[in-house]
Amino acid sequence: MRQSDLLRENAENCLQLAEQAARGPTFKRYTRMAQGWVALANAQDWLDGEVPPWGDPRSDHPRT
């Protein structure tokens, strides 16, 4: 299993905890934690060479 998959599992766990929490500080805290885990997973994908650091430059700039 890739490291980024483990990080995404952590994000999913945080989302499950957020669903169980009452709307309030606890819900917000788990939601922010999930966002952080997803950001780490995306960064890990980049470090592992799975995705480029930004979009495909050919698709961002149409050629004339």
PDB file of N, CA and C in Angstrom:
ATOM      1  N   MET A   1       0.841  -1.174   0.000  1.00  0.00           N
ATOM      2  CA  MET A   1       0.000   0.000   0.000  1.00  0.00           C
ATOM      3  C   MET A   1       0.887   1.238   0.000  1.00  0.00           C
ATOM      4  N   ARG A   2       0.511   2.201  -0.824  1.00  0.00           N
ATOM      5  CA  ARG A   2       1.289   3.436  -0.909  1.00  0.00           C
ATOM      6  C   ARG A   2       1.080   4.297   0.335  1.00  0.00           C
ATOM      7  N   GLN A   3       2.069   5.096   0.636  1.00  0.00           N
ATOM      8  CA  GLN A   3       1.993   5.990   1.792  1.00  0.00           C
ATOM      9  C   GLN A   3       0.813   6.950   1.650  1.00  0.00           C
ATOM     10  N   SER A   4       0.576   7.441   0.442  1.00  0.00           N
ATOM     11  CA  SER A   4      -0.531   8.388   0.246  1.00  0.00           C
ATOM     12  C   SER A   4      -1.886   7.722   0.522  1.00  0.00           C
ATOM     13  N   ASP A   5      -1.997   6.426   0.268  1.00  0.00           N
ATOM     14  CA  ASP A   5      -3.239   5.718   0.580  1.00  0.00           C
ATOM     15  C   ASP A   5      -3.482   5.676   2.093  1.00  0.00           C
ATOM     16  N   LEU A   6      -2.414   5.477   2.842  1.00  0.00           N
ATOM     17  CA  LEU A   6      -2.540   5.473   4.304  1.00  0.00           C
ATOM     18  C   LEU A   6      -2.963   6.855   4.811  1.00  0.00           C
ATOM     19  N   LEU A   7      -2.402   7.889   4.213  1.00  0.00           N
ATOM     20  CA  LEU A   7      -2.762   9.246   4.606  1.00  0.00           C
ATOM     21  C   LEU A   7      -4.229   9.532   4.289  1.00  0.00           C
ATOM     22  N   ARG A   8      -4.703   9.028   3.149  1.00  0.00           N
ATOM     23  CA  ARG A   8      -6.115   9.213   2.798  1.00  0.00           C
ATOM     24  C   ARG A   8      -7.031   8.415   3.728  1.00  0.00           C
ATOM     25  N   GLU A   9      -6.562   7.286   4.214  1.00  0.00           N
ATOM     26  CA  GLU A   9      -7.342   6.536   5.210  1.00  0.00           C
ATOM     27  C   GLU A   9      -7.489   7.350   6.490  1.00  0.00           C
ATOM     28  N   ASN A  10      -6.419   8.032   6.879  1.00  0.00           N
ATOM     29  CA  ASN A  10      -6.497   8.904   8.053  1.00  0.00           C
ATOM     30  C   ASN A  10      -7.534  10.003   7.825  1.00  0.00           C
ATOM     31  N   ALA A  11      -7.556  10.560   6.620  1.00  0.00           N
ATOM     32  CA  ALA A  11      -8.545  11.588   6.298  1.00  0.00           C
ATOM     33  C   ALA A  11      -9.957  11.029   6.402  1.00  0.00           C
ATOM     34  N   GLU A  12     -10.157   9.837   5.900  1.00  0.00           N
ATOM     35  CA  GLU A  12     -11.477   9.212   5.969  1.00  0.00           C
ATOM     36  C   GLU A  12     -11.888   8.968   7.419  1.00  0.00           C
ATOM     37  N   ASN A  13     -10.947   8.541   8.241  1.00  0.00           N
ATOM     38  CA  ASN A  13     -11.250   8.343   9.662  1.00  0.00           C
ATOM     39  C   ASN A  13     -11.676   9.654  10.314  1.00  0.00           C
ATOM     40  N   CYS A  14     -11.011  10.736   9.985  1.00  0.00           N
ATOM     41  CA  CYS A  14     -11.374  12.038  10.537  1.00  0.00           C
ATOM     42  C   CYS A  14     -12.771  12.447  10.085  1.00  0.00           C
ATOM     43  N   LEU A  15     -13.109  12.171   8.829  1.00  0.00           N
ATOM     44  CA  LEU A  15     -14.441  12.507   8.343  1.00  0.00           C
ATOM     45  C   LEU A  15     -15.514  11.694   9.063  1.00  0.00           C
ATOM     46  N   GLN A  16     -15.211  10.438   9.349  1.00  0.00           N
ATOM     47  CA  GLN A  16     -16.166   9.616  10.095  1.00  0.00           C
ATOM     48  C   GLN A  16     -16.359  10.162  11.511  1.00  0.00           C
ATOM     49  N   LEU A  17     -15.268  10.591  12.124  1.00  0.00           N
ATOM     50  CA  LEU A  17     -15.376  11.183  13.459  1.00  0.00           C
ATOM     51  C   LEU A  17     -16.147  12.497  13.415  1.00  0.00           C
ATOM     52  N   ALA A  18     -15.954  13.261  12.345  1.00  0.00           N
ATOM     53  CA  ALA A  18     -16.678  14.520  12.198  1.00  0.00           C
ATOM     54  C   ALA A  18     -18.175  14.277  12.069  1.00  0.00           C
ATOM     55  N   GLU A  19     -18.556  13.220  11.358  1.00  0.00           N
ATOM     56  CA  GLU A  19     -19.974  12.892  11.208  1.00  0.00           C
ATOM     57  C   GLU A  19     -20.605  12.542  12.549  1.00  0.00           C
ATOM     58  N   GLN A  20     -19.827  11.920  13.424  1.00  0.00           N
ATOM     59  CA  GLN A  20     -20.345  11.525  14.731  1.00  0.00           C
ATOM     60  C   GLN A  20     -20.390  12.693  15.710  1.00  0.00           C
ATOM     61  N   ALA A  21     -19.605  13.716  15.437  1.00  0.00           N
ATOM     62  CA  ALA A  21     -19.520  14.854  16.354  1.00  0.00           C
ATOM     63  C   ALA A  21     -20.721  15.779  16.159  1.00  0.00           C
ATOM     64  N   ALA A  22     -21.064  16.447  17.213  1.00  0.00           N
ATOM     65  CA  ALA A  22     -22.107  17.464  17.111  1.00  0.00           C
ATOM     66  C   ALA A  22     -21.555  18.641  16.312  1.00  0.00           C
ATOM     67  N   ARG A  23     -22.446  19.306  15.631  1.00  0.00           N
ATOM     68  CA  ARG A  23     -21.999  20.497  14.893  1.00  0.00           C
ATOM     69  C   ARG A  23     -21.402  21.477  15.893  1.00  0.00           C
ATOM     70  N   GLY A  24     -20.184  21.853  15.660  1.00  0.00           N
ATOM     71  CA  GLY A  24     -19.520  22.761  16.571  1.00  0.00           C
ATOM     72  C   GLY A  24     -18.027  22.639  16.413  1.00  0.00           C
ATOM     73  N   PRO A  25     -17.283  23.005  17.440  1.00  0.00           N
ATOM     74  CA  PRO A  25     -15.824  22.987  17.349  1.00  0.00           C
ATOM     75  C   PRO A  25     -15.240  21.618  17.021  1.00  0.00           C
ATOM     76  N   THR A  26     -15.820  20.571  17.564  1.00  0.00           N
ATOM     77  CA  THR A  26     -15.291  19.225  17.312  1.00  0.00           C
ATOM     78  C   THR A  26     -15.470  18.843  15.849  1.00  0.00           C
ATOM     79  N   PHE A  27     -16.639  19.127  15.296  1.00  0.00           N
ATOM     80  CA  PHE A  27     -16.900  18.857  13.879  1.00  0.00           C
ATOM     81  C   PHE A  27     -15.902  19.611  13.003  1.00  0.00           C
ATOM     82  N   LYS A  28     -15.717  20.880  13.290  1.00  0.00           N
ATOM     83  CA  LYS A  28     -14.788  21.704  12.502  1.00  0.00           C
ATOM     84  C   LYS A  28     -13.356  21.203  12.624  1.00  0.00           C
ATOM     85  N   ARG A  29     -12.985  20.798  13.810  1.00  0.00           N
ATOM     86  CA  ARG A  29     -11.616  20.314  14.047  1.00  0.00           C
ATOM     87  C   ARG A  29     -11.342  19.059  13.229  1.00  0.00           C
ATOM     88  N   TYR A  30     -12.260  18.088  13.262  1.00  0.00           N
ATOM     89  CA  TYR A  30     -12.060  16.855  12.490  1.00  0.00           C
ATOM     90  C   TYR A  30     -12.094  17.127  10.989  1.00  0.00           C
ATOM     91  N   THR A  31     -12.926  18.058  10.564  1.00  0.00           N
ATOM     92  CA  THR A  31     -12.982  18.406   9.143  1.00  0.00           C
ATOM     93  C   THR A  31     -11.663  19.021   8.687  1.00  0.00           C
ATOM     94  N   ARG A  32     -11.125  19.920   9.487  1.00  0.00           N
ATOM     95  CA  ARG A  32      -9.823  20.525   9.142  1.00  0.00           C
ATOM     96  C   ARG A  32      -8.713  19.486   9.164  1.00  0.00           C
ATOM     97  N   MET A  33      -8.777  18.559  10.104  1.00  0.00           N
ATOM     98  CA  MET A  33      -7.774  17.497  10.147  1.00  0.00           C
ATOM     99  C   MET A  33      -7.849  16.645   8.883  1.00  0.00           C
ATOM    100  N   ALA A  34      -9.058  16.334   8.435  1.00  0.00           N
ATOM    101  CA  ALA A  34      -9.221  15.555   7.209  1.00  0.00           C
ATOM    102  C   ALA A  34      -8.631  16.302   6.025  1.00  0.00           C
ATOM    103  N   GLN A  35      -8.875  17.602   5.943  1.00  0.00           N
ATOM    104  CA  GLN A  35      -8.299  18.404   4.856  1.00  0.00           C
ATOM    105  C   GLN A  35      -6.779  18.369   4.895  1.00  0.00           C
ATOM    106  N   GLY A  36      -6.223  18.414   6.098  1.00  0.00           N
ATOM    107  CA  GLY A  36      -4.772  18.344   6.239  1.00  0.00           C
ATOM    108  C   GLY A  36      -4.213  17.010   5.770  1.00  0.00           C
ATOM    109  N   TRP A  37      -4.884  15.912   6.127  1.00  0.00           N
ATOM    110  CA  TRP A  37      -4.438  14.587   5.686  1.00  0.00           C
ATOM    111  C   TRP A  37      -4.495  14.467   4.166  1.00  0.00           C
ATOM    112  N   VAL A  38      -5.545  15.011   3.554  1.00  0.00           N
ATOM    113  CA  VAL A  38      -5.654  14.960   2.094  1.00  0.00           C
ATOM    114  C   VAL A  38      -4.526  15.772   1.457  1.00  0.00           C
ATOM    115  N   ALA A  39      -4.228  16.930   2.013  1.00  0.00           N
ATOM    116  CA  ALA A  39      -3.130  17.741   1.488  1.00  0.00           C
ATOM    117  C   ALA A  39      -1.803  16.989   1.585  1.00  0.00           C
ATOM    118  N   LEU A  40      -1.589  16.318   2.711  1.00  0.00           N
ATOM    119  CA  LEU A  40      -0.367  15.518   2.864  1.00  0.00           C
ATOM    120  C   LEU A  40      -0.325  14.371   1.855  1.00  0.00           C
ATOM    121  N   ALA A  41      -1.458  13.731   1.620  1.00  0.00           N
ATOM    122  CA  ALA A  41      -1.516  12.631   0.654  1.00  0.00           C
ATOM    123  C   ALA A  41      -1.200  13.138  -0.746  1.00  0.00           C
ATOM    124  N   ASN A  42      -1.741  14.300  -1.100  1.00  0.00           N
ATOM    125  CA  ASN A  42      -1.455  14.873  -2.418  1.00  0.00           C
ATOM    126  C   ASN A  42       0.023  15.216  -2.562  1.00  0.00           C
ATOM    127  N   ALA A  43       0.606  15.758  -1.498  1.00  0.00           N
ATOM    128  CA  ALA A  43       2.032  16.070  -1.529  1.00  0.00           C
ATOM    129  C   ALA A  43       2.865  14.791  -1.649  1.00  0.00           C
ATOM    130  N   GLN A  44       2.442  13.740  -0.955  1.00  0.00           N
ATOM    131  CA  GLN A  44       3.165  12.469  -1.033  1.00  0.00           C
ATOM    132  C   GLN A  44       3.091  11.886  -2.437  1.00  0.00           C
ATOM    133  N   ASP A  45       1.923  11.995  -3.080  1.00  0.00           N
ATOM    134  CA  ASP A  45       1.809  11.547  -4.473  1.00  0.00           C
ATOM    135  C   ASP A  45       2.809  12.275  -5.353  1.00  0.00           C
ATOM    136  N   TRP A  46       2.942  13.585  -5.135  1.00  0.00           N
ATOM    137  CA  TRP A  46       3.904  14.368  -5.917  1.00  0.00           C
ATOM    138  C   TRP A  46       5.328  13.906  -5.619  1.00  0.00           C
ATOM    139  N   LEU A  47       5.648  13.712  -4.348  1.00  0.00           N
ATOM    140  CA  LEU A  47       6.996  13.271  -3.987  1.00  0.00           C
ATOM    141  C   LEU A  47       7.325  11.907  -4.578  1.00  0.00           C
ATOM    142  N   ASP A  48       6.310  11.057  -4.697  1.00  0.00           N
ATOM    143  CA  ASP A  48       6.511   9.730  -5.270  1.00  0.00           C
ATOM    144  C   ASP A  48       6.492   9.737  -6.791  1.00  0.00           C
ATOM    145  N   GLY A  49       6.287  10.903  -7.390  1.00  0.00           N
ATOM    146  CA  GLY A  49       6.276  11.004  -8.846  1.00  0.00           C
ATOM    147  C   GLY A  49       4.975  10.546  -9.482  1.00  0.00           C
ATOM    148  N   GLU A  50       3.920  10.427  -8.683  1.00  0.00           N
ATOM    149  CA  GLU A  50       2.625   9.983  -9.205  1.00  0.00           C
ATOM    150  C   GLU A  50       1.922  11.082 -10.003  1.00  0.00           C
ATOM    151  N   VAL A  51       2.098  12.315  -9.582  1.00  0.00           N
ATOM    152  CA  VAL A  51       1.453  13.453 -10.246  1.00  0.00           C
ATOM    153  C   VAL A  51       2.472  14.580 -10.386  1.00  0.00           C
ATOM    154  N   PRO A  52       2.314  15.436 -11.398  1.00  0.00           N
ATOM    155  CA  PRO A  52       3.209  16.583 -11.519  1.00  0.00           C
ATOM    156  C   PRO A  52       2.872  17.619 -10.445  1.00  0.00           C
ATOM    157  N   PRO A  53       3.803  18.515 -10.128  1.00  0.00           N
ATOM    158  CA  PRO A  53       3.549  19.506  -9.083  1.00  0.00           C
ATOM    159  C   PRO A  53       2.443  20.487  -9.459  1.00  0.00           C
ATOM    160  N   TRP A  54       2.131  20.597 -10.731  1.00  0.00           N
ATOM    161  CA  TRP A  54       1.028  21.427 -11.193  1.00  0.00           C
ATOM    162  C   TRP A  54       0.475  20.772 -12.441  1.00  0.00           C
ATOM    163  N   GLY A  55      -0.576  21.324 -13.000  1.00  0.00           N
ATOM    164  CA  GLY A  55      -1.220  20.712 -14.158  1.00  0.00           C
ATOM    165  C   GLY A  55      -0.290  20.607 -15.354  1.00  0.00           C
ATOM    166  N   ASP A  56      -0.703  19.863 -16.328  1.00  0.00           N
ATOM    167  CA  ASP A  56       0.054  19.695 -17.567  1.00  0.00           C
ATOM    168  C   ASP A  56       0.189  21.050 -18.246  1.00  0.00           C
ATOM    169  N   PRO A  57       1.409  21.559 -18.424  1.00  0.00           N
ATOM    170  CA  PRO A  57       1.581  22.895 -19.002  1.00  0.00           C
ATOM    171  C   PRO A  57       0.994  22.992 -20.413  1.00  0.00           C
ATOM    172  N   ARG A  58       0.933  21.886 -21.113  1.00  0.00           N
ATOM    173  CA  ARG A  58       0.372  21.928 -22.468  1.00  0.00           C
ATOM    174  C   ARG A  58      -1.126  22.202 -22.429  1.00  0.00           C
ATOM    175  N   SER A  59      -1.808  21.757 -21.395  1.00  0.00           N
ATOM    176  CA  SER A  59      -3.248  21.983 -21.321  1.00  0.00           C
ATOM    177  C   SER A  59      -3.573  23.353 -20.745  1.00  0.00           C
ATOM    178  N   ASP A  60      -2.642  23.959 -19.977  1.00  0.00           N
ATOM    179  CA  ASP A  60      -2.889  25.272 -19.387  1.00  0.00           C
ATOM    180  C   ASP A  60      -2.708  26.405 -20.388  1.00  0.00           C
ATOM    181  N   HIS A  61      -1.871  26.199 -21.379  1.00  0.00           N
ATOM    182  CA  HIS A  61      -1.570  27.242 -22.333  1.00  0.00           C
ATOM    183  C   HIS A  61      -1.841  26.736 -23.754  1.00  0.00           C
ATOM    184  N   PRO A  62      -2.960  27.147 -24.328  1.00  0.00           N
ATOM    185  CA  PRO A  62      -3.234  26.688 -25.695  1.00  0.00           C
ATOM    186  C   PRO A  62      -2.199  27.223 -26.675  1.00  0.00           C
ATOM    187  N   ARG A  63      -1.849  26.389 -27.601  1.00  0.00           N
ATOM    188  CA  ARG A  63      -0.855  26.796 -28.608  1.00  0.00           C
ATOM    189  C   ARG A  63      -1.551  27.524 -29.753  1.00  0.00           C
ATOM    190  N   THR A  64      -0.861  28.517 -30.261  1.00  0.00           N
ATOM    191  CA  THR A  64      -1.414  29.272 -31.396  1.00  0.00           C
ATOM    192  C   THR A  64      -0.626  29.015 -32.644  1.00  0.00           C
TER     193      THR A  64
END
